[in-house]
Amino acid sequence: MTFADELKALLATQTPMIRVITQEEERFLETLLGLNGGIEQLGITSWDVADGFTTLRRGRRGDFPHTELTLETVVRHIAEKMPEHHILVLKDFQHTWMAKRSLVTRKLRNLAPQFRGSAKTLIMLTPPLPERDDLPAELKPDTVTLEMPLPD
């Protein structure tokens, strides 16, 4: 199974959180935007701490509301404003979970059950990380981790 096929299957089964280990954010976004089979109807937004929200594809339930956020406020905004049938790509999100580990971990654990069945998915893009900075253990039961392979 290819990386794109794995990603498509996870989105089709409404996996609430996916972590993708990659240094190639643009190639990942191209792969995501190229998926079909119903996935093309989902809205896609990206967020990073430097540039905030960017709409990559409008969703049938509207756009993700854009506003200026900090590491401290982004998770609350996701919980309150993320529309159904939407994918939110969080770039370098490890900085958020490292800065506010207990708050971010608890909030994401609370969100996971709400996202199942509503076609809401968080995709956290991170580079390879040392174990001490890795995904919090409490999030691992609700998060599928994929490693994006290098191009052929």
Protein backbone atom coordinates (compact mmCIF):
# COMPACT_ATOMS: atom_id res chain seq x y z
CA MET A 1 0.00 0.00 0.00
CA THR A 2 1.37 3.41 -0.92
CA PHE A 3 1.58 6.34 1.47
CA ALA A 4 -1.26 8.09 -0.41
CA ASP A 5 -3.42 4.94 -0.14
CA GLU A 6 -2.77 4.70 3.61
CA LEU A 7 -3.62 8.37 4.10
CA LYS A 8 -6.78 8.04 2.01
CA ALA A 9 -7.90 5.00 4.01
CA LEU A 10 -7.36 6.80 7.32
CA LEU A 11 -9.37 9.80 6.13
CA ALA A 12 -12.14 7.56 4.76
CA THR A 13 -12.47 5.86 8.16
CA GLN A 14 -12.62 9.27 9.87
CA THR A 15 -9.48 8.79 11.95
CA PRO A 16 -9.57 11.81 14.29
CA MET A 17 -5.82 12.49 14.50
CA ILE A 18 -2.98 11.58 12.17
CA ARG A 19 0.65 12.45 12.73
CA VAL A 20 2.82 12.54 9.63
CA ILE A 21 6.56 12.51 10.08
CA THR A 22 8.13 14.44 7.21
CA GLN A 23 10.47 17.27 6.39
CA GLU A 24 8.59 17.86 3.13
CA GLU A 25 5.47 19.81 4.01
CA GLU A 26 4.77 20.98 0.44
CA ARG A 27 5.03 17.47 -1.01
CA PHE A 28 2.71 16.21 1.72
CA LEU A 29 0.15 18.94 0.93
CA GLU A 30 0.33 18.09 -2.79
CA THR A 31 -0.34 14.44 -1.93
CA LEU A 32 -3.26 15.37 0.33
CA LEU A 33 -4.82 17.69 -2.24
CA GLY A 34 -4.45 15.01 -4.92
CA LEU A 35 -6.49 12.37 -3.06
CA ASN A 36 -9.87 11.43 -4.54
CA GLY A 37 -12.67 8.99 -3.78
CA GLY A 38 -14.75 11.37 -1.67
CA ILE A 39 -11.75 12.97 0.01
CA GLU A 40 -11.84 15.79 -2.55
CA GLN A 41 -15.09 17.05 -0.99
CA LEU A 42 -13.43 17.76 2.36
CA GLY A 43 -12.25 21.26 3.15
CA ILE A 44 -8.54 21.56 3.93
CA THR A 45 -6.91 24.28 6.00
CA SER A 46 -3.35 24.52 7.28
CA TRP A 47 -2.06 26.36 10.35
CA ASP A 48 1.36 27.27 11.62
CA VAL A 49 2.43 29.62 14.38
CA ALA A 50 4.14 32.07 11.96
CA ASP A 51 1.49 32.53 9.25
CA GLY A 52 -1.68 31.33 10.96
CA PHE A 53 -4.47 29.77 8.86
CA THR A 54 -4.36 29.19 5.11
CA THR A 55 -7.34 27.78 3.21
CA LEU A 56 -6.06 25.12 0.82
CA ARG A 57 -9.48 23.92 -0.37
CA ARG A 58 -12.94 25.19 0.49
CA GLY A 59 -15.18 22.65 2.16
CA ARG A 60 -18.83 22.00 1.51
CA ARG A 61 -19.56 23.09 5.08
CA GLY A 62 -17.64 26.33 4.75
CA ASP A 63 -14.17 27.47 5.59
CA PHE A 64 -12.37 27.13 8.86
CA PRO A 65 -12.67 30.57 10.53
CA HIS A 66 -9.34 32.38 10.32
CA THR A 67 -8.14 34.43 13.25
CA GLU A 68 -4.79 35.25 14.85
CA LEU A 69 -3.91 32.66 17.46
CA THR A 70 -1.06 31.79 19.73
CA LEU A 71 0.23 28.41 20.85
CA GLU A 72 -1.96 28.85 23.92
CA THR A 73 -5.22 29.54 22.04
CA VAL A 74 -5.06 27.41 18.89
CA VAL A 75 -6.37 24.18 20.44
CA ARG A 76 -9.38 25.93 21.97
CA HIS A 77 -10.15 27.56 18.59
CA ILE A 78 -9.98 24.17 16.88
CA ALA A 79 -12.41 22.72 19.41
CA GLU A 80 -14.91 25.55 19.03
CA LYS A 81 -14.72 26.44 15.33
CA MET A 82 -13.64 23.50 13.19
CA PRO A 83 -16.42 22.69 10.70
CA GLU A 84 -17.53 19.16 9.89
CA HIS A 85 -16.08 17.53 6.78
CA HIS A 86 -12.78 19.27 7.24
CA ILE A 87 -9.08 18.47 7.54
CA LEU A 88 -6.81 20.76 9.53
CA VAL A 89 -3.09 20.37 8.86
CA LEU A 90 -1.02 21.60 11.80
CA LYS A 91 2.56 22.36 10.76
CA ASP A 92 5.34 21.95 13.33
CA PHE A 93 2.72 21.21 15.96
CA GLN A 94 5.31 19.63 18.22
CA HIS A 95 6.16 23.15 19.42
CA THR A 96 2.60 23.50 20.69
CA TRP A 97 2.53 20.18 22.54
CA MET A 98 6.00 20.82 23.97
CA ALA A 99 5.10 24.35 25.18
CA LYS A 100 1.74 23.46 26.77
CA ARG A 101 1.96 19.69 27.06
CA SER A 102 -0.75 19.03 29.65
CA LEU A 103 -3.29 21.50 28.19
CA VAL A 104 -2.77 20.41 24.57
CA THR A 105 -2.78 16.73 25.43
CA ARG A 106 -5.98 16.92 27.47
CA LYS A 107 -7.80 19.08 24.91
CA LEU A 108 -6.87 16.81 22.01
CA ARG A 109 -7.92 13.74 23.99
CA ASN A 110 -11.27 15.44 24.60
CA LEU A 111 -11.64 16.25 20.90
CA ALA A 112 -10.89 12.78 19.52
CA PRO A 113 -14.31 11.26 20.36
CA GLN A 114 -16.09 14.36 19.00
CA PHE A 115 -14.21 14.12 15.70
CA ARG A 116 -15.16 10.48 15.07
CA GLY A 117 -18.22 10.39 12.86
CA SER A 118 -18.08 14.09 11.96
CA ALA A 119 -15.42 13.82 9.24
CA LYS A 120 -13.05 16.11 11.16
CA THR A 121 -9.39 15.19 11.09
CA LEU A 122 -6.31 16.85 12.54
CA ILE A 123 -3.09 16.07 10.70
CA MET A 124 0.00 17.02 12.68
CA LEU A 125 3.12 17.43 10.52
CA THR A 126 6.39 17.05 12.38
CA PRO A 127 9.97 16.30 11.51
CA PRO A 128 11.54 13.25 13.13
CA LEU A 129 11.84 14.06 16.83
CA PRO A 130 13.93 12.81 19.73
CA GLU A 131 11.96 10.61 22.11
CA ARG A 132 11.65 13.30 24.82
CA ASP A 133 9.86 15.63 22.33
CA ASP A 134 7.78 12.95 20.64
CA LEU A 135 4.00 12.73 20.58
CA PRO A 136 2.70 12.56 24.16
CA ALA A 137 1.96 8.96 25.18
CA GLU A 138 -1.61 9.90 26.12
CA LEU A 139 -2.36 10.85 22.49
CA LYS A 140 -1.01 7.66 20.93
CA PRO A 141 -4.24 5.60 21.31
CA ASP A 142 -6.16 8.22 19.28
CA THR A 143 -3.42 9.07 16.78
CA VAL A 144 -2.13 7.09 13.82
CA THR A 145 1.47 7.89 12.91
CA LEU A 146 2.66 7.66 9.32
CA GLU A 147 6.13 8.34 8.04
CA MET A 148 6.13 9.92 4.60
CA PRO A 149 8.72 8.09 2.51
CA LEU A 150 11.29 9.90 0.43
CA PRO A 151 10.35 10.36 -3.23
CA ASP A 152 11.32 7.65 -5.72
